[in-house]
N, C-alpha and C. Protein backbone atom coordinates (compact mmCIF):
# COMPACT_ATOMS: atom_id res chain seq x y z
N UNK A 1 2.57 12.14 32.18
CA UNK A 1 1.47 11.07 32.13
C UNK A 1 1.77 10.73 30.88
N UNK A 2 1.82 12.00 29.85
CA UNK A 2 2.34 11.83 28.22
C UNK A 2 3.00 11.06 27.87
N UNK A 3 4.46 11.52 28.88
CA UNK A 3 6.12 10.83 28.85
C UNK A 3 5.90 9.29 29.10
N UNK A 4 5.13 8.81 30.24
CA UNK A 4 5.13 7.23 30.80
C UNK A 4 4.26 6.41 28.90
N UNK A 5 3.23 7.38 28.43
CA UNK A 5 2.73 6.33 27.23
C UNK A 5 3.50 6.81 25.99
N UNK A 6 4.25 7.82 26.07
CA UNK A 6 5.72 7.76 24.67
C UNK A 6 6.37 6.69 25.02
N UNK A 7 6.97 6.89 26.24
CA UNK A 7 7.69 5.43 26.68
C UNK A 7 7.51 3.63 26.61
N UNK A 8 6.30 3.80 26.34
CA UNK A 8 5.38 2.59 26.67
C UNK A 8 5.70 2.67 24.93
N UNK A 9 4.99 3.41 24.22
CA UNK A 9 4.90 3.13 23.06
C UNK A 9 6.07 2.61 22.31
N UNK A 10 7.58 3.76 22.94
CA UNK A 10 8.85 3.49 21.88
C UNK A 10 9.13 1.84 22.65
N UNK A 11 8.97 1.60 23.79
CA UNK A 11 9.52 0.24 24.32
C UNK A 11 8.69 -1.36 23.20
N UNK A 12 7.36 -0.94 23.12
CA UNK A 12 6.69 -1.81 22.38
C UNK A 12 7.39 -2.01 20.83
N UNK A 13 8.33 -0.88 20.42
CA UNK A 13 8.23 -0.38 19.05
C UNK A 13 9.52 -1.43 19.08
N UNK A 14 10.88 -1.41 20.35
CA UNK A 14 11.19 -1.46 20.17
C UNK A 14 11.47 -3.07 20.28
N UNK A 15 10.14 -3.74 20.90
CA UNK A 15 10.21 -4.87 21.51
C UNK A 15 9.59 -5.46 20.05
N UNK A 16 9.09 -5.07 19.29
CA UNK A 16 8.63 -5.68 18.06
C UNK A 16 9.73 -5.72 17.23
N UNK A 17 10.35 -4.66 16.75
CA UNK A 17 11.74 -4.57 16.01
C UNK A 17 12.63 -5.81 16.38
N UNK A 18 13.18 -5.88 17.48
CA UNK A 18 13.53 -7.38 18.24
C UNK A 18 13.00 -8.36 17.85
N UNK A 19 11.80 -8.28 18.43
CA UNK A 19 11.04 -10.09 17.74
C UNK A 19 11.22 -10.17 16.54
N UNK A 20 11.06 -9.11 15.52
CA UNK A 20 11.10 -9.45 14.17
C UNK A 20 12.30 -9.66 13.63
N UNK A 21 13.44 -9.31 13.91
CA UNK A 21 14.67 -9.25 13.41
C UNK A 21 15.04 -11.23 13.67
N UNK A 22 14.90 -10.73 15.44
CA UNK A 22 15.09 -12.42 16.00
C UNK A 22 14.15 -13.51 14.91
N UNK A 23 12.89 -13.36 14.81
CA UNK A 23 12.08 -14.54 13.91
C UNK A 23 12.37 -14.54 12.70
N UNK A 24 12.81 -13.42 12.30
CA UNK A 24 13.00 -13.69 10.26
C UNK A 24 14.70 -14.39 10.36
N UNK A 25 15.44 -14.03 11.05
CA UNK A 25 16.85 -14.50 10.96
C UNK A 25 17.17 -15.58 11.46
N UNK A 26 16.31 -16.34 12.76
CA UNK A 26 16.84 -17.55 13.00
C UNK A 26 16.11 -18.38 12.67
N UNK A 27 14.44 -18.00 12.61
CA UNK A 27 13.31 -19.04 12.07
C UNK A 27 13.23 -18.64 10.49
N UNK A 28 14.60 -20.04 9.79
CA UNK A 28 14.65 -19.32 8.45
C UNK A 28 15.06 -20.15 7.98
N UNK A 29 14.57 -20.92 6.47
CA UNK A 29 15.41 -21.99 5.68
C UNK A 29 15.74 -21.27 4.11
N UNK A 30 17.45 -21.47 4.44
CA UNK A 30 18.23 -21.22 3.08
C UNK A 30 17.82 -21.88 2.22
N UNK A 31 17.82 -21.03 0.86
CA UNK A 31 17.12 -21.58 -0.39
C UNK A 31 18.64 -22.42 -1.18
N UNK A 32 19.45 -21.85 -0.98
CA UNK A 32 20.80 -21.97 -1.60
C UNK A 32 20.93 -21.86 -3.26
N UNK A 33 19.76 -20.79 -3.35
CA UNK A 33 20.14 -20.14 -4.90
C UNK A 33 21.29 -19.59 -5.64
N UNK A 34 21.70 -19.60 -6.65
CA UNK A 34 22.79 -19.17 -6.94
C UNK A 34 22.53 -18.10 -8.03
N UNK A 35 22.93 -17.28 -7.88
CA UNK A 35 23.26 -15.91 -9.02
C UNK A 35 24.47 -15.88 -10.07
N UNK A 36 24.93 -15.72 -10.99
CA UNK A 36 25.60 -15.05 -11.81
C UNK A 36 26.51 -14.26 -11.41
N UNK A 37 27.48 -13.68 -11.46
CA UNK A 37 28.39 -12.94 -11.29
C UNK A 37 29.17 -12.87 -12.11
N UNK A 38 29.77 -12.42 -12.95
CA UNK A 38 30.89 -12.52 -13.79
C UNK A 38 30.45 -13.58 -14.33
N UNK A 39 31.95 -14.53 -14.08
CA UNK A 39 32.18 -16.22 -14.42
C UNK A 39 31.83 -17.16 -13.54
N UNK A 40 31.28 -16.83 -12.49
CA UNK A 40 31.22 -17.35 -11.27
C UNK A 40 29.71 -17.38 -10.50
N UNK A 41 29.09 -18.34 -9.89
CA UNK A 41 28.02 -17.97 -9.16
C UNK A 41 28.02 -17.95 -7.76
N UNK A 42 27.59 -16.59 -7.20
CA UNK A 42 27.62 -16.80 -5.86
C UNK A 42 26.35 -17.06 -5.04
N UNK A 43 26.26 -17.18 -4.08
CA UNK A 43 24.80 -17.49 -3.58
C UNK A 43 23.71 -16.01 -3.08
N UNK A 44 22.80 -16.39 -3.94
CA UNK A 44 21.53 -15.13 -3.83
C UNK A 44 21.02 -14.66 -2.93
N UNK A 45 21.41 -15.28 -1.61
CA UNK A 45 20.76 -14.74 -0.45
C UNK A 45 19.30 -14.85 -0.36
N UNK A 46 18.92 -16.06 -0.87
CA UNK A 46 17.01 -16.71 -0.88
C UNK A 46 17.22 -17.38 0.13
N UNK A 47 16.19 -16.72 1.29
CA UNK A 47 15.96 -17.70 2.20
C UNK A 47 14.15 -17.56 2.33
N UNK A 48 13.30 -18.39 3.28
CA UNK A 48 11.87 -18.47 3.17
C UNK A 48 11.97 -18.72 5.27
N UNK A 49 10.90 -17.84 5.59
CA UNK A 49 10.99 -17.52 7.06
C UNK A 49 9.52 -17.46 7.57
N UNK A 50 9.72 -17.56 9.13
CA UNK A 50 8.33 -16.80 9.60
C UNK A 50 8.45 -15.47 10.13
N UNK A 51 9.68 -15.04 9.34
CA UNK A 51 9.35 -13.04 9.55
C UNK A 51 7.84 -12.61 9.65
N UNK A 52 7.07 -12.65 8.03
CA UNK A 52 6.15 -11.92 8.02
C UNK A 52 4.94 -11.92 8.85
N UNK A 53 5.10 -13.31 9.91
CA UNK A 53 4.12 -13.64 11.31
C UNK A 53 4.70 -12.05 12.30
N UNK A 54 5.38 -11.50 12.35
CA UNK A 54 5.90 -10.40 12.99
C UNK A 54 5.22 -9.09 12.44
N UNK A 55 4.81 -8.97 10.75
CA UNK A 55 4.42 -7.83 10.25
C UNK A 55 2.96 -8.00 10.88
N UNK A 56 2.53 -9.07 10.96
CA UNK A 56 0.63 -9.19 11.16
C UNK A 56 0.49 -8.77 12.46
N UNK A 57 1.58 -9.29 12.93
CA UNK A 57 1.77 -8.78 14.75
C UNK A 57 1.79 -7.38 15.09
N UNK A 58 2.69 -6.78 14.33
CA UNK A 58 2.78 -5.52 14.62
C UNK A 58 1.73 -4.52 14.08
N UNK A 59 1.42 -4.53 12.69
CA UNK A 59 0.18 -3.86 11.86
C UNK A 59 -1.26 -3.65 13.36
N UNK A 60 -1.10 -5.22 13.95
CA UNK A 60 -2.12 -5.38 14.79
C UNK A 60 -2.08 -4.73 16.30
N UNK A 61 -0.53 -4.79 16.37
CA UNK A 61 -0.38 -3.75 17.56
C UNK A 61 -0.34 -1.96 17.60
N UNK A 62 0.39 -2.16 16.91
CA UNK A 62 0.36 -0.26 16.44
C UNK A 62 0.39 0.20 15.25
N UNK A 63 -0.62 -0.59 14.49
CA UNK A 63 -1.05 0.46 13.17
C UNK A 63 0.24 0.50 11.90
N UNK A 64 -0.54 0.70 11.01
CA UNK A 64 0.15 0.94 9.66
C UNK A 64 1.25 1.81 9.40
N UNK A 65 1.78 2.96 9.90
CA UNK A 65 2.98 3.32 9.94
C UNK A 65 3.97 2.95 10.46
N UNK A 66 3.55 2.97 11.76
CA UNK A 66 4.86 2.48 12.63
C UNK A 66 5.48 1.22 12.22
N UNK A 67 4.10 -0.06 11.92
CA UNK A 67 4.38 -0.90 11.87
C UNK A 67 5.33 -1.31 10.50
N UNK A 68 5.18 -0.37 9.83
CA UNK A 68 5.69 -0.36 8.34
C UNK A 68 7.54 -0.03 8.89
N UNK A 69 7.78 0.56 9.72
CA UNK A 69 8.91 1.27 9.58
C UNK A 69 9.40 0.05 10.94
N UNK A 70 8.67 -0.56 11.52
CA UNK A 70 9.68 -1.58 12.63
C UNK A 70 9.49 -3.03 11.88
N UNK A 71 8.20 -2.98 10.62
CA UNK A 71 8.61 -4.27 9.89
C UNK A 71 9.96 -4.38 8.84
N UNK A 72 9.93 -2.88 7.81
CA UNK A 72 10.94 -2.92 7.03
C UNK A 72 12.30 -2.82 7.82
N UNK A 73 12.26 -2.28 9.03
CA UNK A 73 13.74 -2.26 9.64
C UNK A 73 14.30 -3.30 10.12
N UNK A 74 13.18 -4.01 11.23
CA UNK A 74 13.03 -5.58 11.38
C UNK A 74 14.32 -6.72 10.64
N UNK A 75 13.04 -6.36 9.35
CA UNK A 75 13.51 -7.81 8.00
C UNK A 75 14.83 -7.39 7.57
N UNK A 76 14.75 -5.90 7.03
CA UNK A 76 16.24 -5.63 6.76
C UNK A 76 17.25 -5.83 7.49
N UNK A 77 17.08 -5.36 9.00
CA UNK A 77 17.96 -5.71 9.68
C UNK A 77 18.44 -7.59 9.67
N UNK A 78 17.79 -8.16 9.44
CA UNK A 78 17.64 -9.66 9.62
C UNK A 78 18.55 -9.91 8.44
N UNK A 79 17.96 -9.44 7.29
CA UNK A 79 18.81 -9.82 5.95
C UNK A 79 20.22 -9.32 6.29
N UNK A 80 20.77 -8.46 7.12
CA UNK A 80 21.75 -7.76 6.98
C UNK A 80 22.58 -8.66 8.29
N UNK A 81 21.82 -9.60 9.32
CA UNK A 81 22.64 -10.52 10.10
C UNK A 81 22.73 -11.55 9.42
N UNK A 82 22.34 -12.18 8.36
CA UNK A 82 22.49 -13.55 7.39
C UNK A 82 22.80 -13.41 6.73
N UNK A 83 23.51 -11.82 5.84
CA UNK A 83 24.63 -11.95 4.79
C UNK A 83 23.75 -12.09 3.55
N UNK A 84 22.06 -11.37 3.60
CA UNK A 84 21.52 -11.03 2.18
C UNK A 84 21.40 -10.15 1.83
N UNK A 85 22.86 -9.10 1.97
CA UNK A 85 22.72 -7.96 1.48
C UNK A 85 22.06 -7.39 0.50
N UNK A 86 22.27 -8.26 -0.46
CA UNK A 86 21.46 -7.71 -1.52
C UNK A 86 19.67 -7.52 -1.86
N UNK A 87 19.24 -7.99 -0.60
CA UNK A 87 17.95 -7.81 -0.52
C UNK A 87 17.63 -6.87 0.30
N UNK A 88 18.94 -6.16 0.99
CA UNK A 88 18.02 -5.19 2.18
C UNK A 88 17.33 -4.00 1.46
N UNK A 89 17.77 -3.62 0.51
CA UNK A 89 16.35 -2.20 -0.34
C UNK A 89 15.02 -2.91 -0.56
N UNK A 90 15.21 -3.92 -1.15
CA UNK A 90 14.01 -4.65 -1.46
C UNK A 90 13.23 -5.09 -0.45
N UNK A 91 13.56 -5.80 0.48
CA UNK A 91 13.08 -5.78 1.66
C UNK A 91 12.72 -4.40 2.89
N UNK A 92 13.00 -3.23 2.92
CA UNK A 92 12.65 -2.17 3.26
C UNK A 92 11.25 -2.19 2.34
N UNK A 93 11.11 -2.07 0.86
CA UNK A 93 10.40 -1.47 0.47
C UNK A 93 9.06 -2.33 0.86
N UNK A 94 9.45 -3.78 0.44
CA UNK A 94 8.60 -4.84 0.39
C UNK A 94 7.55 -5.04 1.55
N UNK A 95 8.28 -5.32 2.77
CA UNK A 95 8.01 -5.26 3.71
C UNK A 95 7.25 -4.10 4.25
N UNK A 96 7.93 -2.50 3.98
CA UNK A 96 6.85 -1.78 4.26
C UNK A 96 5.36 -1.59 3.87
N UNK A 97 5.56 -2.13 2.77
CA UNK A 97 4.36 -1.95 1.41
C UNK A 97 3.19 -2.83 2.64
N UNK A 98 3.89 -4.01 2.36
CA UNK A 98 2.75 -5.04 3.57
C UNK A 98 2.28 -4.21 4.71
N UNK A 99 2.84 -4.26 5.84
CA UNK A 99 2.71 -3.78 6.90
C UNK A 99 1.49 -2.58 6.65
N UNK A 100 1.91 -1.70 5.56
CA UNK A 100 0.80 -0.56 5.52
C UNK A 100 -0.52 -1.24 4.98
N UNK A 101 -0.28 -1.74 4.27
CA UNK A 101 -1.32 -2.85 3.98
C UNK A 101 -2.39 -3.56 4.81
N UNK A 102 -1.68 -4.01 5.73
CA UNK A 102 -1.91 -4.66 6.73
C UNK A 102 -2.78 -3.90 7.95
N UNK A 103 -1.94 -2.79 8.11
CA UNK A 103 -2.43 -1.51 8.66
C UNK A 103 -3.50 -1.05 8.73
N UNK A 104 -4.19 -0.87 6.94
CA UNK A 104 -5.01 -0.50 7.07
C UNK A 104 -6.43 -1.31 6.67
N UNK A 105 -6.42 -2.57 6.24
CA UNK A 105 -7.49 -3.43 6.46
C UNK A 105 -7.50 -4.52 7.16
N UNK A 106 -6.33 -4.69 8.01
CA UNK A 106 -6.71 -5.94 9.13
C UNK A 106 -7.98 -5.21 10.47
N UNK A 107 -8.11 -4.12 10.72
CA UNK A 107 -9.22 -4.06 11.21
C UNK A 107 -10.53 -4.25 10.74
N UNK A 108 -10.26 -4.17 9.53
CA UNK A 108 -11.64 -4.66 9.22
C UNK A 108 -12.31 -6.17 8.83
N UNK A 109 -11.26 -7.33 9.29
CA UNK A 109 -11.32 -8.60 9.20
C UNK A 109 -12.24 -8.98 10.88
N UNK A 110 -13.32 -9.02 10.10
CA UNK A 110 -14.30 -9.63 11.25
C UNK A 110 -14.69 -11.02 10.88
N UNK A 111 -14.32 -12.04 9.57
CA UNK A 111 -14.83 -12.95 8.94
C UNK A 111 -13.50 -13.78 9.27
N UNK A 112 -13.48 -15.02 9.20
CA UNK A 112 -12.44 -15.95 8.79
C UNK A 112 -11.95 -15.87 6.63
N UNK A 113 -13.05 -15.47 6.64
CA UNK A 113 -12.95 -15.29 4.69
C UNK A 113 -12.11 -14.05 4.41
N UNK A 114 -12.71 -12.32 5.12
CA UNK A 114 -11.87 -11.56 5.51
C UNK A 114 -10.07 -11.58 5.77
N UNK A 115 -9.96 -11.93 6.55
CA UNK A 115 -9.03 -12.47 6.96
C UNK A 115 -7.75 -13.41 6.29
N UNK A 116 -8.53 -14.23 5.65
CA UNK A 116 -7.93 -15.03 4.58
C UNK A 116 -7.43 -14.11 3.44
N UNK A 117 -8.40 -13.13 2.96
CA UNK A 117 -8.38 -12.78 1.90
C UNK A 117 -7.61 -10.98 2.14
N UNK A 118 -7.38 -10.56 3.11
CA UNK A 118 -6.22 -9.79 3.51
C UNK A 118 -4.81 -10.45 3.49
N UNK A 119 -4.86 -12.05 4.30
CA UNK A 119 -3.37 -12.35 4.23
C UNK A 119 -3.09 -12.20 2.99
N UNK A 120 -3.66 -12.80 1.99
CA UNK A 120 -3.25 -13.38 0.49
C UNK A 120 -3.02 -12.20 -0.19
N UNK A 121 -3.68 -11.03 0.10
CA UNK A 121 -3.05 -9.62 -0.69
C UNK A 121 -1.88 -9.44 -0.05
N UNK A 122 -1.68 -9.57 1.01
CA UNK A 122 -0.60 -8.99 2.15
C UNK A 122 0.58 -10.32 1.44
N UNK A 123 0.57 -11.62 1.35
CA UNK A 123 1.64 -12.31 0.89
C UNK A 123 1.34 -12.36 -0.64
N UNK A 124 0.83 -11.39 -1.37
CA UNK A 124 1.26 -11.56 -2.71
C UNK A 124 1.85 -10.50 -2.75
N UNK A 125 1.53 -9.00 -2.20
CA UNK A 125 2.62 -7.74 -1.95
C UNK A 125 4.06 -8.78 -2.45
N UNK A 126 4.17 -9.48 -1.06
CA UNK A 126 5.54 -10.06 -0.66
C UNK A 126 6.08 -10.77 -2.14
N UNK A 127 5.88 -11.74 -2.53
CA UNK A 127 5.53 -12.60 -3.90
C UNK A 127 5.62 -11.79 -5.38
N UNK A 128 5.09 -10.87 -5.56
CA UNK A 128 4.84 -10.19 -6.70
C UNK A 128 6.14 -9.04 -6.44
N UNK A 129 6.38 -8.32 -5.06
CA UNK A 129 7.43 -7.39 -5.14
C UNK A 129 8.80 -8.57 -4.75
N UNK A 130 9.02 -9.55 -4.19
CA UNK A 130 10.53 -9.87 -4.52
C UNK A 130 10.63 -10.31 -5.80
N UNK A 131 9.80 -10.58 -6.82
CA UNK A 131 9.64 -11.30 -8.48
C UNK A 131 10.32 -10.10 -8.87
N UNK A 132 9.38 -9.15 -8.68
CA UNK A 132 9.67 -7.53 -9.49
C UNK A 132 11.32 -7.22 -9.24
N UNK A 133 11.81 -7.23 -8.00
CA UNK A 133 12.83 -6.99 -7.08
C UNK A 133 13.74 -7.60 -8.36
N UNK A 134 13.58 -9.00 -8.28
CA UNK A 134 15.10 -9.87 -8.86
C UNK A 134 15.01 -8.96 -10.16
N UNK A 135 14.01 -9.25 -10.73
CA UNK A 135 13.86 -8.84 -12.34
C UNK A 135 14.63 -7.45 -12.93
N UNK A 136 14.38 -6.15 -11.92
CA UNK A 136 14.88 -4.86 -11.79
C UNK A 136 16.28 -4.82 -11.46
N UNK A 137 16.54 -5.67 -10.46
CA UNK A 137 17.63 -5.48 -9.86
C UNK A 137 18.62 -6.43 -10.09
N UNK A 138 18.45 -7.33 -10.37
CA UNK A 138 19.76 -8.83 -10.74
C UNK A 138 19.33 -8.55 -12.41
N UNK A 139 18.54 -8.81 -12.67
CA UNK A 139 18.11 -8.70 -13.79
C UNK A 139 18.44 -10.24 -14.23
N UNK A 140 18.27 -11.12 -13.11
CA UNK A 140 17.62 -12.35 -13.68
C UNK A 140 16.80 -12.99 -13.28
N UNK A 141 16.14 -13.83 -14.63
CA UNK A 141 14.71 -14.49 -14.35
C UNK A 141 15.32 -15.73 -13.88
N UNK A 142 15.99 -16.63 -13.85
CA UNK A 142 15.85 -17.46 -13.19
C UNK A 142 16.44 -17.42 -12.00
N UNK A 143 16.98 -16.68 -10.67
CA UNK A 143 16.44 -16.53 -9.85
C UNK A 143 15.01 -15.93 -9.48
N UNK A 144 14.62 -15.16 -10.09
CA UNK A 144 13.43 -14.72 -9.86
C UNK A 144 12.28 -15.80 -10.24
N UNK A 145 12.45 -16.20 -10.97
CA UNK A 145 11.19 -17.60 -11.52
C UNK A 145 11.49 -18.87 -10.22
N UNK A 146 12.70 -18.80 -10.01
CA UNK A 146 12.57 -20.16 -9.07
C UNK A 146 12.33 -19.98 -7.69
N UNK A 147 12.58 -18.34 -7.22
CA UNK A 147 12.28 -18.09 -6.00
C UNK A 147 10.48 -18.24 -5.65
N UNK A 148 9.90 -18.16 -6.76
CA UNK A 148 8.26 -17.58 -6.74
C UNK A 148 7.72 -19.05 -5.91
N UNK A 149 7.86 -20.17 -6.20
CA UNK A 149 7.47 -21.51 -5.17
C UNK A 149 7.89 -21.09 -3.50
N UNK A 150 8.62 -20.85 -3.92
CA UNK A 150 9.60 -20.59 -2.49
C UNK A 150 8.76 -19.38 -1.84
N UNK A 151 8.74 -18.40 -2.28
CA UNK A 151 7.84 -17.58 -1.48
C UNK A 151 6.32 -17.72 -1.61
N UNK A 152 5.97 -18.04 -2.64
CA UNK A 152 4.44 -18.75 -2.31
C UNK A 152 3.96 -19.77 -0.89
N UNK A 153 5.29 -20.73 -1.03
CA UNK A 153 5.25 -21.80 0.17
C UNK A 153 5.38 -21.01 1.68
N UNK A 154 6.26 -19.97 1.79
CA UNK A 154 6.50 -18.90 2.90
C UNK A 154 5.49 -18.18 2.82
N UNK A 155 4.27 -17.91 1.86
CA UNK A 155 3.32 -16.98 1.93
C UNK A 155 1.85 -17.62 2.36
N UNK A 156 1.75 -19.13 1.95
CA UNK A 156 0.71 -19.96 2.27
C UNK A 156 0.58 -19.82 3.91
N UNK A 157 2.06 -20.15 4.49
CA UNK A 157 2.06 -20.59 6.14
C UNK A 157 2.28 -19.52 6.99
N UNK A 158 2.96 -18.43 6.16
CA UNK A 158 3.02 -17.00 6.74
C UNK A 158 1.43 -16.51 7.15
N UNK A 159 0.82 -16.11 5.78
CA UNK A 159 -0.11 -16.12 5.24
C UNK A 159 -1.44 -16.77 6.44
N UNK A 160 -1.59 -17.67 6.39
CA UNK A 160 -2.50 -18.85 7.05
C UNK A 160 -2.18 -18.28 8.93
N UNK A 161 -0.85 -18.62 8.95
CA UNK A 161 -0.66 -17.93 10.72
C UNK A 161 -1.16 -16.41 10.98
N UNK A 162 -0.91 -15.36 9.87
CA UNK A 162 -1.22 -14.41 9.65
C UNK A 162 -2.88 -14.05 9.67
N UNK A 163 -3.74 -14.82 9.31
CA UNK A 163 -4.94 -14.57 9.14
C UNK A 163 -6.03 -15.92 10.70
N UNK A 164 -5.26 -16.13 11.02
CA UNK A 164 -5.44 -16.94 12.40
C UNK A 164 -5.46 -15.74 13.28
N UNK A 165 -4.20 -14.82 13.61
CA UNK A 165 -3.85 -13.66 14.26
C UNK A 165 -4.60 -12.57 13.97
N UNK A 166 -5.39 -12.40 12.45
CA UNK A 166 -6.00 -11.29 12.22
C UNK A 166 -7.40 -11.27 13.25
N UNK A 167 -7.89 -12.64 13.19
CA UNK A 167 -9.28 -13.40 13.47
C UNK A 167 -9.32 -13.53 14.51
N UNK A 168 -8.29 -13.96 15.17
CA UNK A 168 -8.33 -13.68 17.31
C UNK A 168 -7.86 -12.61 17.46
N UNK A 169 -7.74 -11.45 16.40
CA UNK A 169 -7.56 -9.91 17.60
C UNK A 169 -8.10 -9.41 18.17
N UNK A 170 -7.86 -9.48 19.64
CA UNK A 170 -9.08 -8.65 20.42
C UNK A 170 -9.89 -7.43 19.99
N UNK A 171 -11.02 -7.78 20.06
CA UNK A 171 -12.27 -6.89 20.25
C UNK A 171 -11.82 -5.43 20.21
N UNK A 172 -11.20 -4.86 21.27
CA UNK A 172 -10.53 -3.75 21.69
C UNK A 172 -9.63 -3.22 20.65
N UNK A 173 -8.56 -3.81 20.35
CA UNK A 173 -7.66 -3.20 19.28
C UNK A 173 -8.06 -3.35 17.87
N UNK A 174 -9.36 -4.15 18.01
CA UNK A 174 -9.95 -4.06 16.12
C UNK A 174 -10.91 -3.21 16.08
N UNK A 175 -11.43 -2.43 17.33
CA UNK A 175 -12.71 -1.00 17.67
C UNK A 175 -11.40 -0.31 17.42
N UNK A 176 -10.62 -0.13 18.25
CA UNK A 176 -9.90 1.16 18.44
C UNK A 176 -8.79 1.35 16.84
N UNK A 177 -8.09 0.38 16.29
CA UNK A 177 -7.68 0.07 14.58
C UNK A 177 -8.57 0.29 13.85
N UNK A 178 -9.58 0.40 13.53
CA UNK A 178 -10.99 0.60 12.90
C UNK A 178 -11.19 1.85 13.01
N UNK A 179 -11.38 2.63 14.14
CA UNK A 179 -11.71 3.67 13.90
C UNK A 179 -10.87 4.46 13.50
N UNK A 180 -8.82 4.02 13.66
CA UNK A 180 -7.98 5.06 12.91
C UNK A 180 -8.04 4.77 11.46
N UNK A 181 -9.07 3.65 10.87
CA UNK A 181 -8.61 3.62 9.53
C UNK A 181 -9.79 3.78 8.97
N UNK A 182 -11.00 4.07 9.91
CA UNK A 182 -12.22 4.91 9.24
C UNK A 182 -11.67 6.59 8.57
N UNK A 183 -10.69 7.03 10.06
CA UNK A 183 -10.54 8.51 9.91
C UNK A 183 -9.86 8.62 8.97
N UNK A 184 -8.98 7.41 8.04
CA UNK A 184 -7.88 8.06 7.20
C UNK A 184 -8.75 7.89 5.82
N UNK A 185 -10.00 8.11 5.48
CA UNK A 185 -10.66 8.15 4.47
C UNK A 185 -10.70 9.45 4.05
């Protein structure tokens, strides 16, 4: 019986990983920003996506640590697939951070207000994370500054959809994840 549960969990992890890659890579809007490399301009690899919604789903279904692995890998693989190579490391760190935060606080969302606050903080992790990544790695304020409105727009859309997922999370999942969250203290 234990083996069956492990197999089911692995299948769920792989399905969430595939969903995250597909949604992130396919449902996106390229921003067309460029950054200087030497004397020429190259694409910055910036795009807006609905992939963060999959992070909420993963955090709700499998909890923080596994959601962090699935979300980070899924979004990083999507970056690889769409040619945003320079963002892969940043994406791994930022999306894992979002998933860990959501895994910890999603079970506590029992009102619209709490759902939107948790979603806003999760998307804030994304916005600040990519801004700092651009500044530290590219040392390019122009790209970092141009990305802020795009990341805010993405955060508003993904955060609103994520808040709806958090609010309508089945009670059975909320109680299970809530007991896990309380055990961590």
